């Protein structure tokens, strides 16, 4: 008697297992997921440096009126979330 899996199967995988067993097809096994490619440490560091500079550089380019508008909109959104 074949061993039964303790895991419940969905209908499609159960049907595939029954057909495979009836026809004598080899069992399908799951493949290990591929490893993500290694990142270049120099590129990672450059990206981090750009990210660290980004907010400060953008704020320096904005006029006081623009900064005020952005802050006002952000405060309105925060208050809307609390209500």
PDB file of N, CA and C in Angstrom:
ATOM      1  N   UNK A   1       0.849  -1.178   0.000  1.00  0.00           N
ATOM      2  CA  UNK A   1       0.000   0.000   0.000  1.00  0.00           C
ATOM      3  C   UNK A   1       0.896   1.243   0.000  1.00  0.00           C
ATOM      4  N   UNK A   2       0.596   2.225  -0.860  1.00  0.00           N
ATOM      5  CA  UNK A   2       1.447   3.420  -0.917  1.00  0.00           C
ATOM      6  C   UNK A   2       1.270   4.281   0.320  1.00  0.00           C
ATOM      7  N   UNK A   3       2.355   4.955   0.668  1.00  0.00           N
ATOM      8  CA  UNK A   3       2.287   5.858   1.815  1.00  0.00           C
ATOM      9  C   UNK A   3       1.505   7.098   1.428  1.00  0.00           C
ATOM     10  N   UNK A   4       0.709   7.588   2.338  1.00  0.00           N
ATOM     11  CA  UNK A   4      -0.077   8.777   2.071  1.00  0.00           C
ATOM     12  C   UNK A   4       0.577   9.980   2.730  1.00  0.00           C
ATOM     13  N   UNK A   5       0.474  11.071   2.049  1.00  0.00           N
ATOM     14  CA  UNK A   5       1.020  12.304   2.601  1.00  0.00           C
ATOM     15  C   UNK A   5       0.110  12.799   3.708  1.00  0.00           C
ATOM     16  N   UNK A   6       0.682  13.369   4.734  1.00  0.00           N
ATOM     17  CA  UNK A   6      -0.110  13.904   5.835  1.00  0.00           C
ATOM     18  C   UNK A   6      -0.669  15.286   5.496  1.00  0.00           C
ATOM     19  N   UNK A   7      -0.092  15.927   4.457  1.00  0.00           N
ATOM     20  CA  UNK A   7      -0.559  17.247   4.062  1.00  0.00           C
ATOM     21  C   UNK A   7      -1.812  17.105   3.220  1.00  0.00           C
ATOM     22  N   UNK A   8      -2.746  18.008   3.408  1.00  0.00           N
ATOM     23  CA  UNK A   8      -3.920  18.055   2.553  1.00  0.00           C
ATOM     24  C   UNK A   8      -3.515  18.655   1.214  1.00  0.00           C
ATOM     25  N   UNK A   9      -4.102  18.135   0.144  1.00  0.00           N
ATOM     26  CA  UNK A   9      -3.778  18.627  -1.185  1.00  0.00           C
ATOM     27  C   UNK A   9      -4.984  19.335  -1.772  1.00  0.00           C
ATOM     28  N   UNK A  10      -4.711  20.266  -2.654  1.00  0.00           N
ATOM     29  CA  UNK A  10      -5.824  20.869  -3.373  1.00  0.00           C
ATOM     30  C   UNK A  10      -6.284  19.879  -4.441  1.00  0.00           C
ATOM     31  N   UNK A  11      -7.436  20.102  -5.016  1.00  0.00           N
ATOM     32  CA  UNK A  11      -8.055  19.155  -5.937  1.00  0.00           C
ATOM     33  C   UNK A  11      -7.168  18.881  -7.150  1.00  0.00           C
ATOM     34  N   UNK A  12      -6.561  19.922  -7.706  1.00  0.00           N
ATOM     35  CA  UNK A  12      -5.746  19.734  -8.908  1.00  0.00           C
ATOM     36  C   UNK A  12      -4.510  18.892  -8.641  1.00  0.00           C
ATOM     37  N   UNK A  13      -3.819  19.156  -7.545  1.00  0.00           N
ATOM     38  CA  UNK A  13      -2.614  18.372  -7.270  1.00  0.00           C
ATOM     39  C   UNK A  13      -2.973  16.940  -6.889  1.00  0.00           C
ATOM     40  N   UNK A  14      -4.122  16.742  -6.236  1.00  0.00           N
ATOM     41  CA  UNK A  14      -4.575  15.398  -5.907  1.00  0.00           C
ATOM     42  C   UNK A  14      -4.899  14.628  -7.179  1.00  0.00           C
ATOM     43  N   UNK A  15      -5.595  15.289  -8.116  1.00  0.00           N
ATOM     44  CA  UNK A  15      -5.920  14.643  -9.385  1.00  0.00           C
ATOM     45  C   UNK A  15      -4.648  14.293 -10.154  1.00  0.00           C
ATOM     46  N   UNK A  16      -3.675  15.186 -10.172  1.00  0.00           N
ATOM     47  CA  UNK A  16      -2.420  14.926 -10.871  1.00  0.00           C
ATOM     48  C   UNK A  16      -1.690  13.746 -10.234  1.00  0.00           C
ATOM     49  N   UNK A  17      -1.732  13.654  -8.925  1.00  0.00           N
ATOM     50  CA  UNK A  17      -1.077  12.546  -8.235  1.00  0.00           C
ATOM     51  C   UNK A  17      -1.766  11.224  -8.568  1.00  0.00           C
ATOM     52  N   UNK A  18      -3.078  11.227  -8.632  1.00  0.00           N
ATOM     53  CA  UNK A  18      -3.821  10.000  -8.947  1.00  0.00           C
ATOM     54  C   UNK A  18      -3.520   9.550 -10.369  1.00  0.00           C
ATOM     55  N   UNK A  19      -3.544  10.483 -11.327  1.00  0.00           N
ATOM     56  CA  UNK A  19      -3.255  10.138 -12.713  1.00  0.00           C
ATOM     57  C   UNK A  19      -1.816   9.663 -12.846  1.00  0.00           C
ATOM     58  N   UNK A  20      -0.896  10.339 -12.191  1.00  0.00           N
ATOM     59  CA  UNK A  20       0.502   9.930 -12.254  1.00  0.00           C
ATOM     60  C   UNK A  20       0.722   8.546 -11.680  1.00  0.00           C
ATOM     61  N   UNK A  21       0.036   8.237 -10.602  1.00  0.00           N
ATOM     62  CA  UNK A  21       0.164   6.919  -9.984  1.00  0.00           C
ATOM     63  C   UNK A  21      -0.447   5.847 -10.880  1.00  0.00           C
ATOM     64  N   UNK A  22      -1.583   6.170 -11.521  1.00  0.00           N
ATOM     65  CA  UNK A  22      -2.250   5.206 -12.380  1.00  0.00           C
ATOM     66  C   UNK A  22      -1.453   4.922 -13.650  1.00  0.00           C
ATOM     67  N   UNK A  23      -0.769   5.923 -14.179  1.00  0.00           N
ATOM     68  CA  UNK A  23      -0.024   5.745 -15.419  1.00  0.00           C
ATOM     69  C   UNK A  23       1.419   5.353 -15.197  1.00  0.00           C
ATOM     70  N   UNK A  24       1.869   5.404 -13.964  1.00  0.00           N
ATOM     71  CA  UNK A  24       3.245   5.036 -13.672  1.00  0.00           C
ATOM     72  C   UNK A  24       4.235   6.144 -13.988  1.00  0.00           C
ATOM     73  N   UNK A  25       3.756   7.356 -14.116  1.00  0.00           N
ATOM     74  CA  UNK A  25       4.643   8.484 -14.395  1.00  0.00           C
ATOM     75  C   UNK A  25       5.506   8.767 -13.174  1.00  0.00           C
ATOM     76  N   UNK A  26       6.739   9.223 -13.399  1.00  0.00           N
ATOM     77  CA  UNK A  26       7.598   9.531 -12.240  1.00  0.00           C
ATOM     78  C   UNK A  26       7.020  10.695 -11.435  1.00  0.00           C
ATOM     79  N   UNK A  27       7.273  10.663 -10.133  1.00  0.00           N
ATOM     80  CA  UNK A  27       6.780  11.719  -9.251  1.00  0.00           C
ATOM     81  C   UNK A  27       7.524  13.008  -9.536  1.00  0.00           C
ATOM     82  N   UNK A  28       6.780  14.117  -9.504  1.00  0.00           N
ATOM     83  CA  UNK A  28       7.386  15.432  -9.696  1.00  0.00           C
ATOM     84  C   UNK A  28       7.843  15.949  -8.352  1.00  0.00           C
ATOM     85  N   UNK A  29       9.020  16.478  -8.341  1.00  0.00           N
ATOM     86  CA  UNK A  29       9.533  17.060  -7.103  1.00  0.00           C
ATOM     87  C   UNK A  29       9.674  18.553  -7.284  1.00  0.00           C
ATOM     88  N   UNK A  30       9.580  19.262  -6.209  1.00  0.00           N
ATOM     89  CA  UNK A  30       9.732  20.718  -6.270  1.00  0.00           C
ATOM     90  C   UNK A  30      11.201  21.077  -6.392  1.00  0.00           C
ATOM     91  N   UNK A  31      11.450  22.035  -7.255  1.00  0.00           N
ATOM     92  CA  UNK A  31      12.812  22.512  -7.424  1.00  0.00           C
ATOM     93  C   UNK A  31      13.083  23.597  -6.395  1.00  0.00           C
ATOM     94  N   UNK A  32      14.312  23.665  -5.962  1.00  0.00           N
ATOM     95  CA  UNK A  32      14.694  24.730  -5.031  1.00  0.00           C
ATOM     96  C   UNK A  32      14.631  26.065  -5.765  1.00  0.00           C
ATOM     97  N   UNK A  33      14.141  27.117  -5.097  1.00  0.00           N
ATOM     98  CA  UNK A  33      14.084  28.413  -5.771  1.00  0.00           C
ATOM     99  C   UNK A  33      15.493  28.903  -6.102  1.00  0.00           C
ATOM    100  N   UNK A  34      15.635  29.588  -7.233  1.00  0.00           N
ATOM    101  CA  UNK A  34      16.979  30.055  -7.607  1.00  0.00           C
ATOM    102  C   UNK A  34      17.480  31.106  -6.627  1.00  0.00           C
ATOM    103  N   UNK A  35      18.783  31.084  -6.408  1.00  0.00           N
ATOM    104  CA  UNK A  35      19.387  32.061  -5.506  1.00  0.00           C
ATOM    105  C   UNK A  35      19.424  33.421  -6.197  1.00  0.00           C
ATOM    106  N   UNK A  36      19.153  34.479  -5.445  1.00  0.00           N
ATOM    107  CA  UNK A  36      19.259  35.803  -6.069  1.00  0.00           C
ATOM    108  C   UNK A  36      20.714  36.088  -6.427  1.00  0.00           C
ATOM    109  N   UNK A  37      20.939  36.842  -7.489  1.00  0.00           N
ATOM    110  CA  UNK A  37      22.316  37.116  -7.890  1.00  0.00           C
ATOM    111  C   UNK A  37      23.035  37.943  -6.820  1.00  0.00           C
ATOM    112  N   UNK A  38      24.325  37.694  -6.723  1.00  0.00           N
ATOM    113  CA  UNK A  38      25.137  38.439  -5.759  1.00  0.00           C
ATOM    114  C   UNK A  38      25.203  39.900  -6.178  1.00  0.00           C
ATOM    115  N   UNK A  39      25.131  40.787  -5.216  1.00  0.00           N
ATOM    116  CA  UNK A  39      25.198  42.217  -5.515  1.00  0.00           C
ATOM    117  C   UNK A  39      26.640  42.696  -5.443  1.00  0.00           C
ATOM    118  N   UNK A  40      26.933  43.636  -6.298  1.00  0.00           N
ATOM    119  CA  UNK A  40      28.255  44.233  -6.320  1.00  0.00           C
ATOM    120  C   UNK A  40      28.368  45.176  -5.117  1.00  0.00           C
ATOM    121  N   UNK A  41      29.279  44.924  -4.180  1.00  0.00           N
ATOM    122  CA  UNK A  41      29.374  45.770  -2.986  1.00  0.00           C
ATOM    123  C   UNK A  41      29.635  47.244  -3.304  1.00  0.00           C
ATOM    124  N   UNK A  42      30.389  47.512  -4.349  1.00  0.00           N
ATOM    125  CA  UNK A  42      30.677  48.908  -4.712  1.00  0.00           C
ATOM    126  C   UNK A  42      29.398  49.605  -5.171  1.00  0.00           C
ATOM    127  N   UNK A  43      28.567  48.895  -5.949  1.00  0.00           N
ATOM    128  CA  UNK A  43      27.317  49.482  -6.425  1.00  0.00           C
ATOM    129  C   UNK A  43      26.350  49.703  -5.260  1.00  0.00           C
ATOM    130  N   UNK A  44      26.343  48.769  -4.320  1.00  0.00           N
ATOM    131  CA  UNK A  44      25.478  48.904  -3.146  1.00  0.00           C
ATOM    132  C   UNK A  44      25.870  50.145  -2.356  1.00  0.00           C
ATOM    133  N   UNK A  45      27.155  50.344  -2.185  1.00  0.00           N
ATOM    134  CA  UNK A  45      27.638  51.502  -1.424  1.00  0.00           C
ATOM    135  C   UNK A  45      27.308  52.816  -2.134  1.00  0.00           C
ATOM    136  N   UNK A  46      27.456  52.836  -3.457  1.00  0.00           N
ATOM    137  CA  UNK A  46      27.112  54.051  -4.211  1.00  0.00           C
ATOM    138  C   UNK A  46      25.621  54.359  -4.085  1.00  0.00           C
ATOM    139  N   UNK A  47      24.792  53.333  -4.159  1.00  0.00           N
ATOM    140  CA  UNK A  47      23.360  53.543  -4.019  1.00  0.00           C
ATOM    141  C   UNK A  47      22.998  54.065  -2.647  1.00  0.00           C
ATOM    142  N   UNK A  48      23.679  53.561  -1.640  1.00  0.00           N
ATOM    143  CA  UNK A  48      23.422  54.019  -0.273  1.00  0.00           C
ATOM    144  C   UNK A  48      23.832  55.479  -0.109  1.00  0.00           C
ATOM    145  N   UNK A  49      24.966  55.847  -0.688  1.00  0.00           N
ATOM    146  CA  UNK A  49      25.411  57.240  -0.587  1.00  0.00           C
ATOM    147  C   UNK A  49      24.419  58.183  -1.247  1.00  0.00           C
ATOM    148  N   UNK A  50      23.926  57.792  -2.420  1.00  0.00           N
ATOM    149  CA  UNK A  50      22.947  58.620  -3.106  1.00  0.00           C
ATOM    150  C   UNK A  50      21.667  58.740  -2.296  1.00  0.00           C
ATOM    151  N   UNK A  51      21.248  57.667  -1.668  1.00  0.00           N
ATOM    152  CA  UNK A  51      20.046  57.690  -0.855  1.00  0.00           C
ATOM    153  C   UNK A  51      20.206  58.579   0.366  1.00  0.00           C
ATOM    154  N   UNK A  52      21.380  58.586   0.944  1.00  0.00           N
ATOM    155  CA  UNK A  52      21.616  59.414   2.124  1.00  0.00           C
ATOM    156  C   UNK A  52      21.617  60.901   1.759  1.00  0.00           C
ATOM    157  N   UNK A  53      22.090  61.220   0.555  1.00  0.00           N
ATOM    158  CA  UNK A  53      22.165  62.623   0.131  1.00  0.00           C
ATOM    159  C   UNK A  53      20.823  63.144  -0.369  1.00  0.00           C
ATOM    160  N   UNK A  54      19.990  62.269  -0.899  1.00  0.00           N
ATOM    161  CA  UNK A  54      18.799  62.654  -1.644  1.00  0.00           C
ATOM    162  C   UNK A  54      17.871  63.625  -0.952  1.00  0.00           C
ATOM    163  N   UNK A  55      17.418  63.319   0.247  1.00  0.00           N
ATOM    164  CA  UNK A  55      16.452  64.169   0.932  1.00  0.00           C
ATOM    165  C   UNK A  55      16.994  65.540   1.258  1.00  0.00           C
ATOM    166  N   UNK A  56      18.232  65.582   1.708  1.00  0.00           N
ATOM    167  CA  UNK A  56      18.842  66.867   2.062  1.00  0.00           C
ATOM    168  C   UNK A  56      19.052  67.735   0.820  1.00  0.00           C
ATOM    169  N   UNK A  57      19.479  67.107  -0.279  1.00  0.00           N
ATOM    170  CA  UNK A  57      19.712  67.862  -1.518  1.00  0.00           C
ATOM    171  C   UNK A  57      18.399  68.401  -2.061  1.00  0.00           C
ATOM    172  N   UNK A  58      17.335  67.601  -1.978  1.00  0.00           N
ATOM    173  CA  UNK A  58      16.036  68.063  -2.476  1.00  0.00           C
ATOM    174  C   UNK A  58      15.526  69.213  -1.616  1.00  0.00           C
ATOM    175  N   UNK A  59      15.658  69.089  -0.296  1.00  0.00           N
ATOM    176  CA  UNK A  59      15.191  70.144   0.598  1.00  0.00           C
ATOM    177  C   UNK A  59      15.954  71.448   0.357  1.00  0.00           C
ATOM    178  N   UNK A  60      17.230  71.349   0.040  1.00  0.00           N
ATOM    179  CA  UNK A  60      18.031  72.548  -0.193  1.00  0.00           C
ATOM    180  C   UNK A  60      17.587  73.290  -1.460  1.00  0.00           C
ATOM    181  N   UNK A  61      17.054  72.558  -2.446  1.00  0.00           N
ATOM    182  CA  UNK A  61      16.612  73.173  -3.694  1.00  0.00           C
ATOM    183  C   UNK A  61      15.235  73.816  -3.581  1.00  0.00           C
ATOM    184  N   UNK A  62      14.438  73.426  -2.577  1.00  0.00           N
ATOM    185  CA  UNK A  62      13.076  73.945  -2.457  1.00  0.00           C
ATOM    186  C   UNK A  62      13.072  75.350  -1.854  1.00  0.00           C
ATOM    187  N   UNK A  63      12.129  76.144  -2.307  1.00  0.00           N
ATOM    188  CA  UNK A  63      11.963  77.471  -1.716  1.00  0.00           C
ATOM    189  C   UNK A  63      11.186  77.320  -0.406  1.00  0.00           C
ATOM    190  N   UNK A  64      11.236  78.333   0.468  1.00  0.00           N
ATOM    191  CA  UNK A  64      10.477  78.248   1.720  1.00  0.00           C
ATOM    192  C   UNK A  64       8.982  78.035   1.488  1.00  0.00           C
ATOM    193  N   UNK A  65       8.419  78.621   0.432  1.00  0.00           N
ATOM    194  CA  UNK A  65       6.996  78.442   0.140  1.00  0.00           C
ATOM    195  C   UNK A  65       6.696  76.988  -0.240  1.00  0.00           C
ATOM    196  N   UNK A  66       7.580  76.405  -1.036  1.00  0.00           N
ATOM    197  CA  UNK A  66       7.382  75.017  -1.446  1.00  0.00           C
ATOM    198  C   UNK A  66       7.466  74.072  -0.247  1.00  0.00           C
ATOM    199  N   UNK A  67       8.457  74.316   0.620  1.00  0.00           N
ATOM    200  CA  UNK A  67       8.590  73.483   1.819  1.00  0.00           C
ATOM    201  C   UNK A  67       7.348  73.600   2.692  1.00  0.00           C
ATOM    202  N   UNK A  68       6.825  74.823   2.822  1.00  0.00           N
ATOM    203  CA  UNK A  68       5.641  75.059   3.627  1.00  0.00           C
ATOM    204  C   UNK A  68       4.431  74.323   3.049  1.00  0.00           C
ATOM    205  N   UNK A  69       4.276  74.367   1.719  1.00  0.00           N
ATOM    206  CA  UNK A  69       3.163  73.665   1.075  1.00  0.00           C
ATOM    207  C   UNK A  69       3.244  72.154   1.311  1.00  0.00           C
ATOM    208  N   UNK A  70       4.444  71.609   1.157  1.00  0.00           N
ATOM    209  CA  UNK A  70       4.642  70.177   1.359  1.00  0.00           C
ATOM    210  C   UNK A  70       4.321  69.803   2.805  1.00  0.00           C
ATOM    211  N   UNK A  71       4.803  70.601   3.755  1.00  0.00           N
ATOM    212  CA  UNK A  71       4.555  70.318   5.173  1.00  0.00           C
ATOM    213  C   UNK A  71       3.068  70.427   5.495  1.00  0.00           C
ATOM    214  N   UNK A  72       2.387  71.413   4.904  1.00  0.00           N
ATOM    215  CA  UNK A  72       0.951  71.600   5.150  1.00  0.00           C
ATOM    216  C   UNK A  72       0.168  70.386   4.647  1.00  0.00           C
ATOM    217  N   UNK A  73       0.486  69.932   3.431  1.00  0.00           N
ATOM    218  CA  UNK A  73      -0.200  68.765   2.869  1.00  0.00           C
ATOM    219  C   UNK A  73       0.047  67.520   3.717  1.00  0.00           C
ATOM    220  N   UNK A  74       1.276  67.346   4.181  1.00  0.00           N
ATOM    221  CA  UNK A  74       1.604  66.180   5.007  1.00  0.00           C
ATOM    222  C   UNK A  74       0.829  66.218   6.321  1.00  0.00           C
ATOM    223  N   UNK A  75       0.720  67.399   6.931  1.00  0.00           N
ATOM    224  CA  UNK A  75      -0.022  67.523   8.186  1.00  0.00           C
ATOM    225  C   UNK A  75      -1.502  67.230   7.970  1.00  0.00           C
ATOM    226  N   UNK A  76      -2.064  67.705   6.855  1.00  0.00           N
ATOM    227  CA  UNK A  76      -3.474  67.437   6.571  1.00  0.00           C
ATOM    228  C   UNK A  76      -3.727  65.942   6.414  1.00  0.00           C
ATOM    229  N   UNK A  77      -2.840  65.267   5.736  1.00  0.00           N
ATOM    230  CA  UNK A  77      -2.992  63.819   5.554  1.00  0.00           C
ATOM    231  C   UNK A  77      -2.890  63.096   6.893  1.00  0.00           C
ATOM    232  N   UNK A  78      -1.945  63.513   7.742  1.00  0.00           N
ATOM    233  CA  UNK A  78      -1.817  62.885   9.066  1.00  0.00           C
ATOM    234  C   UNK A  78      -3.089  63.066   9.877  1.00  0.00           C
ATOM    235  N   UNK A  79      -3.662  64.273   9.862  1.00  0.00           N
ATOM    236  CA  UNK A  79      -4.884  64.524  10.616  1.00  0.00           C
ATOM    237  C   UNK A  79      -6.059  63.754  10.042  1.00  0.00           C
ATOM    238  N   UNK A  80      -6.102  63.566   8.723  1.00  0.00           N
ATOM    239  CA  UNK A  80      -7.182  62.790   8.128  1.00  0.00           C
ATOM    240  C   UNK A  80      -7.115  61.340   8.574  1.00  0.00           C
ATOM    241  N   UNK A  81      -5.928  60.798   8.707  1.00  0.00           N
ATOM    242  CA  UNK A  81      -5.764  59.403   9.129  1.00  0.00           C
ATOM    243  C   UNK A  81      -6.227  59.210  10.566  1.00  0.00           C
ATOM    244  N   UNK A  82      -6.028  60.208  11.409  1.00  0.00           N
ATOM    245  CA  UNK A  82      -6.404  60.096  12.816  1.00  0.00           C
ATOM    246  C   UNK A  82      -7.905  60.219  13.014  1.00  0.00           C
ATOM    247  N   UNK A  83      -8.582  60.865  12.092  1.00  0.00           N
ATOM    248  CA  UNK A  83     -10.021  61.088  12.256  1.00  0.00           C
ATOM    249  C   UNK A  83     -10.801  59.845  11.947  1.00  0.00           C
TER     250      UNK A  83
END
